[in-house]
């Protein structure tokens, strides 16, 4: 299992609008090996908000399939021209342990 976290820093007041983009049908939900997506938001601090978009994949190969797909290119078209975005970083994590209540 692989979790990919895209951390996007945006100007204060723009977090909710950017988060809405991830709620639409952008093709990721149809990709083989896609498990789920979560969008997390932090309150404004020093004039900026932060979004963490976490996608969970069955494998690194499944994530690579998404990034090589036409749907990925289409969903990211114009992202670099969004003046509200102050910066972004991408991190990948392999799941080593998971616990549930009662386990």
N, C-alpha and C. Protein backbone atom coordinates (compact mmCIF):
# COMPACT_ATOMS: atom_id res chain seq x y z
N UNK A 1 0.85 -1.16 0.00
CA UNK A 1 0.00 0.00 0.00
C UNK A 1 0.90 1.23 0.00
N UNK A 2 0.52 2.24 -0.77
CA UNK A 2 1.29 3.47 -0.91
C UNK A 2 0.38 4.66 -0.67
N UNK A 3 0.84 5.62 0.14
CA UNK A 3 0.13 6.88 0.33
C UNK A 3 0.99 7.97 -0.29
N UNK A 4 0.38 8.78 -1.15
CA UNK A 4 1.06 9.91 -1.76
C UNK A 4 0.39 11.17 -1.25
N UNK A 5 1.18 12.05 -0.65
CA UNK A 5 0.65 13.28 -0.08
C UNK A 5 1.21 14.48 -0.84
N UNK A 6 0.29 15.24 -1.41
CA UNK A 6 0.63 16.48 -2.10
C UNK A 6 0.26 17.61 -1.15
N UNK A 7 1.25 18.33 -0.66
CA UNK A 7 1.02 19.44 0.25
C UNK A 7 1.08 20.73 -0.55
N UNK A 8 -0.02 21.47 -0.55
CA UNK A 8 -0.13 22.70 -1.34
C UNK A 8 -0.36 23.87 -0.40
N UNK A 9 0.52 24.84 -0.46
CA UNK A 9 0.40 26.06 0.34
C UNK A 9 -0.26 27.11 -0.54
N UNK A 10 -1.35 27.73 -0.04
CA UNK A 10 -2.10 28.73 -0.81
C UNK A 10 -2.28 30.00 0.01
N UNK A 11 -2.54 31.09 -0.70
CA UNK A 11 -2.82 32.36 -0.04
C UNK A 11 -4.07 32.22 0.83
N UNK A 12 -4.07 32.93 1.94
CA UNK A 12 -5.20 32.91 2.87
C UNK A 12 -6.50 33.23 2.13
N UNK A 13 -7.53 32.42 2.41
CA UNK A 13 -8.84 32.63 1.80
C UNK A 13 -9.07 31.83 0.52
N UNK A 14 -8.05 31.08 0.06
CA UNK A 14 -8.17 30.33 -1.19
C UNK A 14 -8.22 28.82 -1.00
N UNK A 15 -8.06 28.33 0.23
CA UNK A 15 -8.00 26.89 0.47
C UNK A 15 -9.27 26.15 0.10
N UNK A 16 -10.42 26.65 0.52
CA UNK A 16 -11.68 25.96 0.26
C UNK A 16 -11.97 25.86 -1.24
N UNK A 17 -11.71 26.92 -1.96
CA UNK A 17 -11.97 26.91 -3.41
C UNK A 17 -11.07 25.89 -4.12
N UNK A 18 -9.82 25.83 -3.73
CA UNK A 18 -8.91 24.87 -4.35
C UNK A 18 -9.31 23.44 -3.97
N UNK A 19 -9.72 23.24 -2.73
CA UNK A 19 -10.14 21.91 -2.28
C UNK A 19 -11.31 21.39 -3.10
N UNK A 20 -12.21 22.27 -3.50
CA UNK A 20 -13.38 21.86 -4.30
C UNK A 20 -12.97 21.18 -5.60
N UNK A 21 -11.85 21.58 -6.18
CA UNK A 21 -11.38 20.98 -7.43
C UNK A 21 -11.17 19.48 -7.30
N UNK A 22 -10.78 19.04 -6.11
CA UNK A 22 -10.49 17.63 -5.90
C UNK A 22 -11.75 16.80 -5.70
N UNK A 23 -12.88 17.45 -5.51
CA UNK A 23 -14.14 16.74 -5.32
C UNK A 23 -14.81 16.34 -6.61
N UNK A 24 -14.38 16.95 -7.71
CA UNK A 24 -14.97 16.65 -9.01
C UNK A 24 -14.45 15.35 -9.59
N UNK A 25 -15.04 14.96 -10.67
CA UNK A 25 -14.62 13.75 -11.37
C UNK A 25 -13.41 14.09 -12.26
N UNK A 26 -12.23 13.68 -11.80
CA UNK A 26 -11.02 13.99 -12.56
C UNK A 26 -10.32 12.74 -13.10
N UNK A 27 -10.97 11.60 -12.96
CA UNK A 27 -10.42 10.37 -13.52
C UNK A 27 -9.65 9.51 -12.54
N UNK A 28 -9.14 10.10 -11.46
CA UNK A 28 -8.33 9.31 -10.52
C UNK A 28 -9.15 8.18 -9.92
N UNK A 29 -10.42 8.43 -9.66
CA UNK A 29 -11.27 7.42 -9.02
C UNK A 29 -11.52 6.22 -9.92
N UNK A 30 -11.22 6.33 -11.19
CA UNK A 30 -11.40 5.23 -12.14
C UNK A 30 -10.12 4.44 -12.39
N UNK A 31 -9.01 4.89 -11.84
CA UNK A 31 -7.72 4.27 -12.12
C UNK A 31 -7.57 2.93 -11.39
N UNK A 32 -7.00 1.93 -12.09
CA UNK A 32 -6.72 0.66 -11.42
C UNK A 32 -5.76 0.88 -10.25
N UNK A 33 -6.07 0.28 -9.12
CA UNK A 33 -5.20 0.37 -7.97
C UNK A 33 -5.45 1.57 -7.07
N UNK A 34 -6.37 2.47 -7.47
CA UNK A 34 -6.72 3.61 -6.62
C UNK A 34 -7.61 3.12 -5.48
N UNK A 35 -7.28 3.52 -4.25
CA UNK A 35 -8.04 3.09 -3.07
C UNK A 35 -8.92 4.22 -2.56
N UNK A 36 -8.33 5.40 -2.32
CA UNK A 36 -9.13 6.53 -1.85
C UNK A 36 -8.31 7.82 -1.90
N UNK A 37 -9.04 8.93 -1.75
CA UNK A 37 -8.43 10.25 -1.67
C UNK A 37 -9.02 10.97 -0.48
N UNK A 38 -8.18 11.72 0.21
CA UNK A 38 -8.62 12.58 1.30
C UNK A 38 -7.99 13.95 1.10
N UNK A 39 -8.76 15.00 1.37
CA UNK A 39 -8.25 16.37 1.29
C UNK A 39 -8.36 16.98 2.69
N UNK A 40 -7.22 17.36 3.22
CA UNK A 40 -7.13 17.94 4.56
C UNK A 40 -6.78 19.41 4.44
N UNK A 41 -7.29 20.22 5.36
CA UNK A 41 -7.10 21.67 5.31
C UNK A 41 -6.66 22.18 6.67
N UNK A 42 -5.66 23.06 6.68
CA UNK A 42 -5.26 23.68 7.95
C UNK A 42 -5.71 25.14 7.95
N UNK A 43 -5.95 25.65 9.13
CA UNK A 43 -6.34 27.05 9.28
C UNK A 43 -5.20 27.95 8.82
N UNK A 44 -5.57 29.17 8.49
CA UNK A 44 -4.58 30.15 8.02
C UNK A 44 -3.56 30.45 9.10
N UNK A 45 -2.32 30.59 8.66
CA UNK A 45 -1.22 30.95 9.55
C UNK A 45 -0.24 31.76 8.73
N UNK A 46 0.09 32.94 9.22
CA UNK A 46 1.03 33.83 8.53
C UNK A 46 0.61 34.12 7.09
N UNK A 47 -0.71 34.28 6.87
CA UNK A 47 -1.21 34.66 5.56
C UNK A 47 -1.35 33.53 4.56
N UNK A 48 -1.20 32.28 5.03
CA UNK A 48 -1.30 31.14 4.11
C UNK A 48 -2.09 30.01 4.74
N UNK A 49 -2.72 29.22 3.90
CA UNK A 49 -3.41 28.00 4.30
C UNK A 49 -2.68 26.83 3.65
N UNK A 50 -2.94 25.64 4.16
CA UNK A 50 -2.29 24.46 3.60
C UNK A 50 -3.33 23.38 3.34
N UNK A 51 -3.23 22.77 2.18
CA UNK A 51 -4.04 21.60 1.84
C UNK A 51 -3.12 20.41 1.75
N UNK A 52 -3.56 19.28 2.25
CA UNK A 52 -2.85 18.02 2.07
C UNK A 52 -3.80 17.09 1.34
N UNK A 53 -3.42 16.75 0.12
CA UNK A 53 -4.22 15.83 -0.68
C UNK A 53 -3.52 14.49 -0.62
N UNK A 54 -4.14 13.54 0.05
CA UNK A 54 -3.55 12.21 0.22
C UNK A 54 -4.32 11.21 -0.63
N UNK A 55 -3.59 10.52 -1.48
CA UNK A 55 -4.18 9.45 -2.27
C UNK A 55 -3.55 8.14 -1.83
N UNK A 56 -4.38 7.12 -1.73
CA UNK A 56 -3.91 5.80 -1.30
C UNK A 56 -4.00 4.88 -2.51
N UNK A 57 -2.93 4.14 -2.75
CA UNK A 57 -2.80 3.26 -3.91
C UNK A 57 -2.43 1.86 -3.46
N UNK A 58 -2.84 0.88 -4.24
CA UNK A 58 -2.47 -0.51 -3.94
C UNK A 58 -0.97 -0.73 -4.08
N UNK A 59 -0.33 0.06 -4.96
CA UNK A 59 1.10 -0.14 -5.22
C UNK A 59 1.70 1.10 -5.88
N UNK A 60 3.02 1.14 -5.89
CA UNK A 60 3.75 2.20 -6.61
C UNK A 60 3.41 2.16 -8.10
N UNK A 61 3.26 0.96 -8.64
CA UNK A 61 2.93 0.81 -10.07
C UNK A 61 1.57 1.42 -10.38
N UNK A 62 0.61 1.28 -9.47
CA UNK A 62 -0.72 1.87 -9.69
C UNK A 62 -0.61 3.39 -9.70
N UNK A 63 0.16 3.96 -8.78
CA UNK A 63 0.36 5.41 -8.76
C UNK A 63 1.06 5.87 -10.04
N UNK A 64 2.06 5.14 -10.47
CA UNK A 64 2.78 5.49 -11.71
C UNK A 64 1.84 5.45 -12.91
N UNK A 65 0.91 4.50 -12.90
CA UNK A 65 -0.08 4.44 -13.98
C UNK A 65 -0.93 5.69 -14.02
N UNK A 66 -1.29 6.22 -12.87
CA UNK A 66 -2.07 7.46 -12.79
C UNK A 66 -1.25 8.64 -13.34
N UNK A 67 0.00 8.78 -12.91
CA UNK A 67 0.79 9.94 -13.34
C UNK A 67 1.14 9.88 -14.82
N UNK A 68 1.08 8.70 -15.43
CA UNK A 68 1.37 8.56 -16.86
C UNK A 68 0.10 8.66 -17.72
N UNK A 69 -1.05 8.79 -17.09
CA UNK A 69 -2.32 8.74 -17.82
C UNK A 69 -2.72 10.09 -18.41
N UNK A 70 -3.50 10.07 -19.49
CA UNK A 70 -4.06 11.31 -20.04
C UNK A 70 -4.95 12.03 -19.02
N UNK A 71 -5.65 11.29 -18.18
CA UNK A 71 -6.51 11.91 -17.16
C UNK A 71 -5.69 12.74 -16.18
N UNK A 72 -4.50 12.26 -15.81
CA UNK A 72 -3.62 13.01 -14.92
C UNK A 72 -3.20 14.32 -15.57
N UNK A 73 -2.77 14.24 -16.82
CA UNK A 73 -2.33 15.45 -17.54
C UNK A 73 -3.47 16.45 -17.64
N UNK A 74 -4.66 15.97 -17.95
CA UNK A 74 -5.82 16.85 -18.08
C UNK A 74 -6.18 17.49 -16.74
N UNK A 75 -6.15 16.72 -15.66
CA UNK A 75 -6.54 17.26 -14.36
C UNK A 75 -5.52 18.26 -13.80
N UNK A 76 -4.29 18.21 -14.29
CA UNK A 76 -3.26 19.13 -13.81
C UNK A 76 -2.97 20.27 -14.78
N UNK A 77 -3.68 20.31 -15.88
CA UNK A 77 -3.46 21.37 -16.87
C UNK A 77 -3.79 22.73 -16.25
N UNK A 78 -2.88 23.66 -16.35
CA UNK A 78 -3.08 25.01 -15.85
C UNK A 78 -2.79 25.19 -14.37
N UNK A 79 -2.42 24.12 -13.67
CA UNK A 79 -2.18 24.23 -12.22
C UNK A 79 -1.04 25.20 -11.91
N UNK A 80 -0.05 25.27 -12.75
CA UNK A 80 1.09 26.17 -12.52
C UNK A 80 0.75 27.63 -12.70
N UNK A 81 -0.41 27.92 -13.25
CA UNK A 81 -0.81 29.32 -13.48
C UNK A 81 -1.75 29.84 -12.39
N UNK A 82 -2.02 29.05 -11.37
CA UNK A 82 -2.90 29.47 -10.29
C UNK A 82 -2.12 30.37 -9.34
N UNK A 83 -2.44 31.66 -9.36
CA UNK A 83 -1.68 32.64 -8.58
C UNK A 83 -1.89 32.50 -7.07
N UNK A 84 -2.90 31.75 -6.64
CA UNK A 84 -3.14 31.56 -5.21
C UNK A 84 -2.17 30.54 -4.62
N UNK A 85 -1.58 29.70 -5.46
CA UNK A 85 -0.66 28.66 -4.97
C UNK A 85 0.70 29.27 -4.69
N UNK A 86 1.17 29.07 -3.46
CA UNK A 86 2.45 29.62 -3.03
C UNK A 86 3.57 28.59 -3.12
N UNK A 87 3.22 27.32 -3.15
CA UNK A 87 4.23 26.27 -3.23
C UNK A 87 3.59 24.91 -3.02
N UNK A 88 4.32 23.87 -3.37
CA UNK A 88 3.80 22.51 -3.23
C UNK A 88 4.95 21.53 -3.08
N UNK A 89 4.64 20.41 -2.42
CA UNK A 89 5.63 19.33 -2.31
C UNK A 89 4.89 18.00 -2.36
N UNK A 90 5.56 16.97 -2.83
CA UNK A 90 4.98 15.65 -2.98
C UNK A 90 5.82 14.65 -2.18
N UNK A 91 5.14 13.86 -1.35
CA UNK A 91 5.82 12.86 -0.55
C UNK A 91 5.11 11.53 -0.72
N UNK A 92 5.88 10.44 -0.65
CA UNK A 92 5.33 9.09 -0.77
C UNK A 92 5.70 8.30 0.48
N UNK A 93 4.73 7.49 0.94
CA UNK A 93 4.93 6.68 2.13
C UNK A 93 4.42 5.27 1.86
N UNK A 94 5.20 4.29 2.25
CA UNK A 94 4.78 2.90 2.17
C UNK A 94 4.15 2.52 3.51
N UNK A 95 3.00 1.88 3.48
CA UNK A 95 2.33 1.45 4.70
C UNK A 95 3.07 0.26 5.31
N UNK A 96 3.50 0.43 6.55
CA UNK A 96 4.19 -0.64 7.26
C UNK A 96 3.33 -1.26 8.35
N UNK A 97 2.37 -0.49 8.89
CA UNK A 97 1.53 -0.97 9.97
C UNK A 97 0.21 -0.23 9.95
N UNK A 98 -0.87 -0.97 10.20
CA UNK A 98 -2.21 -0.37 10.29
C UNK A 98 -2.94 -1.05 11.43
N UNK A 99 -3.61 -0.27 12.26
CA UNK A 99 -4.39 -0.81 13.38
C UNK A 99 -5.79 -0.29 13.30
N UNK A 100 -6.72 -1.08 13.78
CA UNK A 100 -8.13 -0.70 13.83
C UNK A 100 -8.60 -0.86 15.27
N UNK A 101 -9.71 -0.21 15.64
CA UNK A 101 -10.21 -0.36 17.00
C UNK A 101 -10.41 -1.84 17.35
N UNK A 102 -10.01 -2.21 18.53
CA UNK A 102 -10.18 -3.58 19.00
C UNK A 102 -9.10 -4.54 18.57
N UNK A 103 -8.17 -4.11 17.75
CA UNK A 103 -7.11 -5.02 17.28
C UNK A 103 -5.91 -4.92 18.18
